[in-house]
Amino acid sequence: MSVELATSLLADALVVFGVFIMTIGVYGMIRLPDTYTRLHATSKAVVLGVISLLAASVVTGDPEIILRVALIGVFLVLTTPVSAHVIARAAYSREEKMVSPDAVDESSKDLAGR
């Protein structure tokens, strides 16, 4: 197997994996019941899916692209958790409840007495 064929197959596999992960994130956004679980699904999809797509472009090998992809990856890894935290904090400030029956609000005052 030639090197070009191997890198092409690896890039294709990374693209398929990234699209699959992002599809699961979209499905989670539609299917999950409340803001907090939706936020979890979408933030994981961004990090895993987009980083996989970025890795596919690194495999192609252009040196200019590698630096840009590294900067985009670092930016996503740093900003995705921060934005997810801000959205969750805003939902908590608006007193949005967790819909799942098994969910436990650990910040609730009635847990202090147990």
N, C-alpha and C. Protein backbone atom coordinates (compact mmCIF):
# COMPACT_ATOMS: atom_id res chain seq x y z
N MET A 1 0.85 -1.18 0.00
CA MET A 1 0.00 0.00 0.00
C MET A 1 0.89 1.24 0.00
N SER A 2 0.60 2.18 -0.86
CA SER A 2 1.41 3.38 -0.95
C SER A 2 1.08 4.33 0.20
N VAL A 3 1.99 5.25 0.44
CA VAL A 3 1.82 6.21 1.53
C VAL A 3 0.63 7.13 1.24
N GLU A 4 0.48 7.54 0.00
CA GLU A 4 -0.65 8.41 -0.36
C GLU A 4 -1.99 7.74 -0.11
N LEU A 5 -2.07 6.47 -0.44
CA LEU A 5 -3.31 5.74 -0.23
C LEU A 5 -3.61 5.59 1.27
N ALA A 6 -2.57 5.31 2.05
CA ALA A 6 -2.75 5.16 3.50
C ALA A 6 -3.19 6.48 4.14
N THR A 7 -2.57 7.59 3.75
CA THR A 7 -2.98 8.88 4.33
C THR A 7 -4.38 9.27 3.88
N SER A 8 -4.70 8.93 2.64
CA SER A 8 -6.05 9.23 2.14
C SER A 8 -7.10 8.43 2.91
N LEU A 9 -6.83 7.15 3.15
CA LEU A 9 -7.76 6.32 3.91
C LEU A 9 -7.88 6.79 5.36
N LEU A 10 -6.78 7.19 5.96
CA LEU A 10 -6.81 7.70 7.34
C LEU A 10 -7.61 9.00 7.41
N ALA A 11 -7.40 9.89 6.46
CA ALA A 11 -8.15 11.15 6.43
C ALA A 11 -9.64 10.88 6.23
N ASP A 12 -9.97 9.94 5.35
CA ASP A 12 -11.38 9.60 5.14
C ASP A 12 -12.00 9.00 6.40
N ALA A 13 -11.26 8.15 7.08
CA ALA A 13 -11.77 7.54 8.31
C ALA A 13 -11.99 8.60 9.39
N LEU A 14 -11.09 9.56 9.49
CA LEU A 14 -11.26 10.63 10.48
C LEU A 14 -12.46 11.52 10.14
N VAL A 15 -12.68 11.77 8.87
CA VAL A 15 -13.86 12.57 8.47
C VAL A 15 -15.14 11.81 8.79
N VAL A 16 -15.18 10.54 8.48
CA VAL A 16 -16.38 9.74 8.77
C VAL A 16 -16.62 9.69 10.28
N PHE A 17 -15.57 9.49 11.07
CA PHE A 17 -15.70 9.47 12.52
C PHE A 17 -16.21 10.81 13.05
N GLY A 18 -15.65 11.91 12.54
CA GLY A 18 -16.07 13.24 12.97
C GLY A 18 -17.52 13.52 12.63
N VAL A 19 -17.94 13.15 11.44
CA VAL A 19 -19.33 13.36 11.04
C VAL A 19 -20.26 12.48 11.88
N PHE A 20 -19.83 11.26 12.18
CA PHE A 20 -20.63 10.36 13.02
C PHE A 20 -20.81 10.95 14.42
N ILE A 21 -19.75 11.43 15.02
CA ILE A 21 -19.82 12.02 16.36
C ILE A 21 -20.71 13.26 16.35
N MET A 22 -20.57 14.10 15.35
CA MET A 22 -21.39 15.30 15.28
C MET A 22 -22.86 14.96 15.03
N THR A 23 -23.12 13.89 14.29
CA THR A 23 -24.50 13.45 14.09
C THR A 23 -25.10 12.98 15.41
N ILE A 24 -24.34 12.27 16.21
CA ILE A 24 -24.81 11.86 17.53
C ILE A 24 -25.08 13.09 18.40
N GLY A 25 -24.25 14.11 18.29
CA GLY A 25 -24.48 15.36 19.04
C GLY A 25 -25.76 16.05 18.62
N VAL A 26 -26.04 16.07 17.33
CA VAL A 26 -27.29 16.67 16.85
C VAL A 26 -28.48 15.85 17.32
N TYR A 27 -28.36 14.54 17.27
CA TYR A 27 -29.43 13.68 17.76
C TYR A 27 -29.65 13.91 19.26
N GLY A 28 -28.57 14.07 20.02
CA GLY A 28 -28.69 14.36 21.44
C GLY A 28 -29.35 15.71 21.69
N MET A 29 -29.06 16.68 20.86
CA MET A 29 -29.67 18.00 20.99
C MET A 29 -31.18 17.93 20.78
N ILE A 30 -31.61 17.10 19.85
CA ILE A 30 -33.03 16.96 19.58
C ILE A 30 -33.71 16.08 20.61
N ARG A 31 -33.07 15.01 21.02
CA ARG A 31 -33.71 13.97 21.81
C ARG A 31 -33.67 14.21 23.32
N LEU A 32 -32.62 14.82 23.84
CA LEU A 32 -32.47 14.95 25.28
C LEU A 32 -33.45 15.97 25.86
N PRO A 33 -33.85 15.80 27.12
CA PRO A 33 -35.00 16.54 27.64
C PRO A 33 -34.74 17.95 28.14
N ASP A 34 -33.56 18.25 28.64
CA ASP A 34 -33.38 19.57 29.25
C ASP A 34 -32.10 20.23 28.78
N THR A 35 -31.94 21.47 29.18
CA THR A 35 -30.81 22.29 28.75
C THR A 35 -29.47 21.68 29.15
N TYR A 36 -29.39 21.14 30.34
CA TYR A 36 -28.12 20.65 30.85
C TYR A 36 -27.63 19.41 30.10
N THR A 37 -28.52 18.49 29.82
CA THR A 37 -28.11 17.30 29.08
C THR A 37 -27.87 17.62 27.61
N ARG A 38 -28.64 18.53 27.05
CA ARG A 38 -28.39 18.96 25.67
C ARG A 38 -27.04 19.64 25.54
N LEU A 39 -26.72 20.43 26.53
CA LEU A 39 -25.44 21.12 26.54
C LEU A 39 -24.28 20.14 26.60
N HIS A 40 -24.45 19.09 27.38
CA HIS A 40 -23.42 18.07 27.48
C HIS A 40 -23.20 17.40 26.12
N ALA A 41 -24.29 17.03 25.46
CA ALA A 41 -24.18 16.36 24.17
C ALA A 41 -23.52 17.24 23.12
N THR A 42 -23.91 18.49 23.06
CA THR A 42 -23.36 19.37 22.03
C THR A 42 -21.91 19.73 22.29
N SER A 43 -21.54 19.94 23.54
CA SER A 43 -20.14 20.29 23.80
C SER A 43 -19.21 19.12 23.52
N LYS A 44 -19.64 17.91 23.81
CA LYS A 44 -18.82 16.74 23.47
C LYS A 44 -18.73 16.56 21.97
N ALA A 45 -19.81 16.83 21.27
CA ALA A 45 -19.80 16.69 19.81
C ALA A 45 -18.85 17.70 19.18
N VAL A 46 -18.83 18.90 19.70
CA VAL A 46 -17.93 19.92 19.15
C VAL A 46 -16.47 19.49 19.33
N VAL A 47 -16.14 19.11 20.54
CA VAL A 47 -14.73 18.78 20.80
C VAL A 47 -14.32 17.53 20.03
N LEU A 48 -15.05 16.44 20.15
CA LEU A 48 -14.63 15.21 19.49
C LEU A 48 -14.82 15.25 17.98
N GLY A 49 -15.95 15.76 17.53
CA GLY A 49 -16.24 15.77 16.10
C GLY A 49 -15.37 16.73 15.32
N VAL A 50 -15.30 17.95 15.78
CA VAL A 50 -14.53 18.95 15.04
C VAL A 50 -13.03 18.67 15.12
N ILE A 51 -12.55 18.22 16.27
CA ILE A 51 -11.13 17.89 16.37
C ILE A 51 -10.79 16.73 15.43
N SER A 52 -11.70 15.78 15.28
CA SER A 52 -11.48 14.69 14.33
C SER A 52 -11.42 15.21 12.89
N LEU A 53 -12.30 16.14 12.55
CA LEU A 53 -12.26 16.74 11.21
C LEU A 53 -10.98 17.54 11.00
N LEU A 54 -10.55 18.23 12.05
CA LEU A 54 -9.29 18.97 11.95
C LEU A 54 -8.10 18.02 11.79
N ALA A 55 -8.14 16.90 12.49
CA ALA A 55 -7.06 15.91 12.36
C ALA A 55 -7.02 15.35 10.95
N ALA A 56 -8.16 15.23 10.31
CA ALA A 56 -8.19 14.74 8.93
C ALA A 56 -7.47 15.71 8.00
N SER A 57 -7.59 17.00 8.27
CA SER A 57 -6.89 17.95 7.41
C SER A 57 -5.40 18.00 7.73
N VAL A 58 -5.01 17.64 8.94
CA VAL A 58 -3.58 17.57 9.28
C VAL A 58 -2.93 16.40 8.55
N VAL A 59 -3.65 15.31 8.42
CA VAL A 59 -3.10 14.12 7.77
C VAL A 59 -2.74 14.40 6.32
N THR A 60 -3.46 15.32 5.69
CA THR A 60 -3.15 15.64 4.30
C THR A 60 -1.76 16.25 4.14
N GLY A 61 -1.26 16.94 5.17
CA GLY A 61 0.15 17.26 5.24
C GLY A 61 0.65 18.63 4.86
N ASP A 62 -0.14 19.58 4.46
CA ASP A 62 0.36 20.90 4.11
C ASP A 62 0.82 21.62 5.38
N PRO A 63 2.07 22.09 5.46
CA PRO A 63 2.58 22.71 6.69
C PRO A 63 1.82 23.96 7.12
N GLU A 64 1.32 24.74 6.18
CA GLU A 64 0.53 25.93 6.56
C GLU A 64 -0.76 25.53 7.25
N ILE A 65 -1.36 24.48 6.78
CA ILE A 65 -2.63 24.02 7.34
C ILE A 65 -2.43 23.46 8.75
N ILE A 66 -1.31 22.79 8.97
CA ILE A 66 -1.06 22.17 10.27
C ILE A 66 -1.04 23.22 11.38
N LEU A 67 -0.40 24.35 11.16
CA LEU A 67 -0.36 25.41 12.18
C LEU A 67 -1.76 25.99 12.41
N ARG A 68 -2.48 26.24 11.35
CA ARG A 68 -3.84 26.77 11.51
C ARG A 68 -4.75 25.80 12.24
N VAL A 69 -4.65 24.53 11.89
CA VAL A 69 -5.48 23.51 12.53
C VAL A 69 -5.13 23.39 14.01
N ALA A 70 -3.85 23.47 14.34
CA ALA A 70 -3.44 23.41 15.74
C ALA A 70 -4.02 24.59 16.52
N LEU A 71 -3.99 25.77 15.93
CA LEU A 71 -4.56 26.95 16.60
C LEU A 71 -6.07 26.83 16.76
N ILE A 72 -6.75 26.33 15.74
CA ILE A 72 -8.20 26.15 15.84
C ILE A 72 -8.52 25.11 16.90
N GLY A 73 -7.76 24.01 16.94
CA GLY A 73 -7.99 22.98 17.95
C GLY A 73 -7.79 23.49 19.36
N VAL A 74 -6.73 24.25 19.58
CA VAL A 74 -6.48 24.82 20.91
C VAL A 74 -7.60 25.79 21.28
N PHE A 75 -8.03 26.60 20.33
CA PHE A 75 -9.12 27.54 20.58
C PHE A 75 -10.39 26.80 20.98
N LEU A 76 -10.73 25.73 20.28
CA LEU A 76 -11.94 24.97 20.60
C LEU A 76 -11.84 24.29 21.96
N VAL A 77 -10.68 23.72 22.25
CA VAL A 77 -10.51 23.03 23.53
C VAL A 77 -10.60 24.02 24.70
N LEU A 78 -10.17 25.25 24.49
CA LEU A 78 -10.23 26.25 25.56
C LEU A 78 -11.61 26.91 25.67
N THR A 79 -12.27 27.14 24.56
CA THR A 79 -13.51 27.92 24.61
C THR A 79 -14.78 27.09 24.77
N THR A 80 -14.78 25.84 24.35
CA THR A 80 -15.99 25.03 24.46
C THR A 80 -16.41 24.80 25.90
N PRO A 81 -15.52 24.42 26.82
CA PRO A 81 -15.96 24.26 28.21
C PRO A 81 -16.41 25.58 28.84
N VAL A 82 -15.77 26.66 28.48
CA VAL A 82 -16.14 27.96 29.05
C VAL A 82 -17.53 28.36 28.57
N SER A 83 -17.79 28.21 27.28
CA SER A 83 -19.12 28.57 26.77
C SER A 83 -20.20 27.65 27.32
N ALA A 84 -19.89 26.36 27.49
CA ALA A 84 -20.87 25.44 28.07
C ALA A 84 -21.16 25.82 29.52
N HIS A 85 -20.14 26.23 30.25
CA HIS A 85 -20.35 26.65 31.63
C HIS A 85 -21.22 27.90 31.70
N VAL A 86 -20.97 28.85 30.82
CA VAL A 86 -21.75 30.10 30.82
C VAL A 86 -23.21 29.81 30.49
N ILE A 87 -23.46 28.95 29.52
CA ILE A 87 -24.84 28.62 29.17
C ILE A 87 -25.52 27.88 30.32
N ALA A 88 -24.82 26.94 30.95
CA ALA A 88 -25.41 26.22 32.08
C ALA A 88 -25.66 27.15 33.25
N ARG A 89 -24.78 28.08 33.48
CA ARG A 89 -24.98 29.04 34.57
C ARG A 89 -26.19 29.93 34.29
N ALA A 90 -26.35 30.35 33.04
CA ALA A 90 -27.52 31.16 32.69
C ALA A 90 -28.81 30.36 32.86
N ALA A 91 -28.78 29.09 32.49
CA ALA A 91 -29.97 28.25 32.68
C ALA A 91 -30.26 28.07 34.16
N TYR A 92 -29.23 27.91 34.96
CA TYR A 92 -29.41 27.77 36.40
C TYR A 92 -29.94 29.07 37.01
N SER A 93 -29.44 30.19 36.54
CA SER A 93 -29.90 31.49 37.04
C SER A 93 -31.37 31.73 36.69
N ARG A 94 -31.82 31.20 35.56
CA ARG A 94 -33.22 31.32 35.18
C ARG A 94 -34.08 30.26 35.86
N GLU A 95 -33.44 29.46 36.71
CA GLU A 95 -34.09 28.41 37.50
C GLU A 95 -34.74 27.34 36.63
N GLU A 96 -34.04 26.99 35.56
CA GLU A 96 -34.52 25.88 34.73
C GLU A 96 -34.24 24.59 35.47
N LYS A 97 -35.21 23.72 35.51
CA LYS A 97 -35.11 22.46 36.24
C LYS A 97 -34.61 21.36 35.31
N MET A 98 -33.98 20.34 35.95
CA MET A 98 -33.61 19.15 35.23
C MET A 98 -34.85 18.28 35.07
N VAL A 99 -35.12 17.83 33.86
CA VAL A 99 -36.34 17.09 33.56
C VAL A 99 -36.22 15.62 33.92
N SER A 100 -35.03 15.07 33.83
CA SER A 100 -34.83 13.65 34.07
C SER A 100 -35.25 13.26 35.48
N PRO A 101 -36.02 12.17 35.65
CA PRO A 101 -36.48 11.79 36.98
C PRO A 101 -35.34 11.32 37.89
N ASP A 102 -34.24 10.90 37.31
CA ASP A 102 -33.10 10.43 38.12
C ASP A 102 -32.12 11.55 38.44
N ALA A 103 -32.35 12.75 37.94
CA ALA A 103 -31.43 13.85 38.14
C ALA A 103 -31.47 14.33 39.58
N VAL A 104 -30.30 14.63 40.11
CA VAL A 104 -30.18 15.15 41.47
C VAL A 104 -29.51 16.50 41.39
N ASP A 105 -30.16 17.52 41.90
CA ASP A 105 -29.60 18.87 41.94
C ASP A 105 -28.77 18.97 43.21
N GLU A 106 -27.47 18.85 43.07
CA GLU A 106 -26.60 18.85 44.25
C GLU A 106 -26.43 20.22 44.86
N SER A 107 -26.92 21.24 44.21
CA SER A 107 -26.85 22.59 44.79
C SER A 107 -28.13 22.94 45.54
N SER A 108 -29.06 22.01 45.60
CA SER A 108 -30.33 22.26 46.25
C SER A 108 -30.16 22.33 47.77
N LYS A 109 -30.91 23.21 48.40
CA LYS A 109 -30.80 23.37 49.84
C LYS A 109 -31.38 22.18 50.60
N ASP A 110 -32.34 21.44 50.01
CA ASP A 110 -32.94 20.35 50.75
C ASP A 110 -32.03 19.13 50.80
N LEU A 111 -30.92 19.12 50.12
CA LEU A 111 -29.97 18.02 50.24
C LEU A 111 -29.09 18.20 51.48
N ALA A 112 -29.02 19.41 52.03
CA ALA A 112 -28.13 19.68 53.16
C ALA A 112 -28.57 18.90 54.40
N GLY A 113 -29.87 18.66 54.57
CA GLY A 113 -30.36 17.98 55.75
C GLY A 113 -30.27 16.46 55.70
N ARG A 114 -29.95 15.91 54.55
CA ARG A 114 -29.92 14.43 54.43
C ARG A 114 -28.64 13.83 54.89
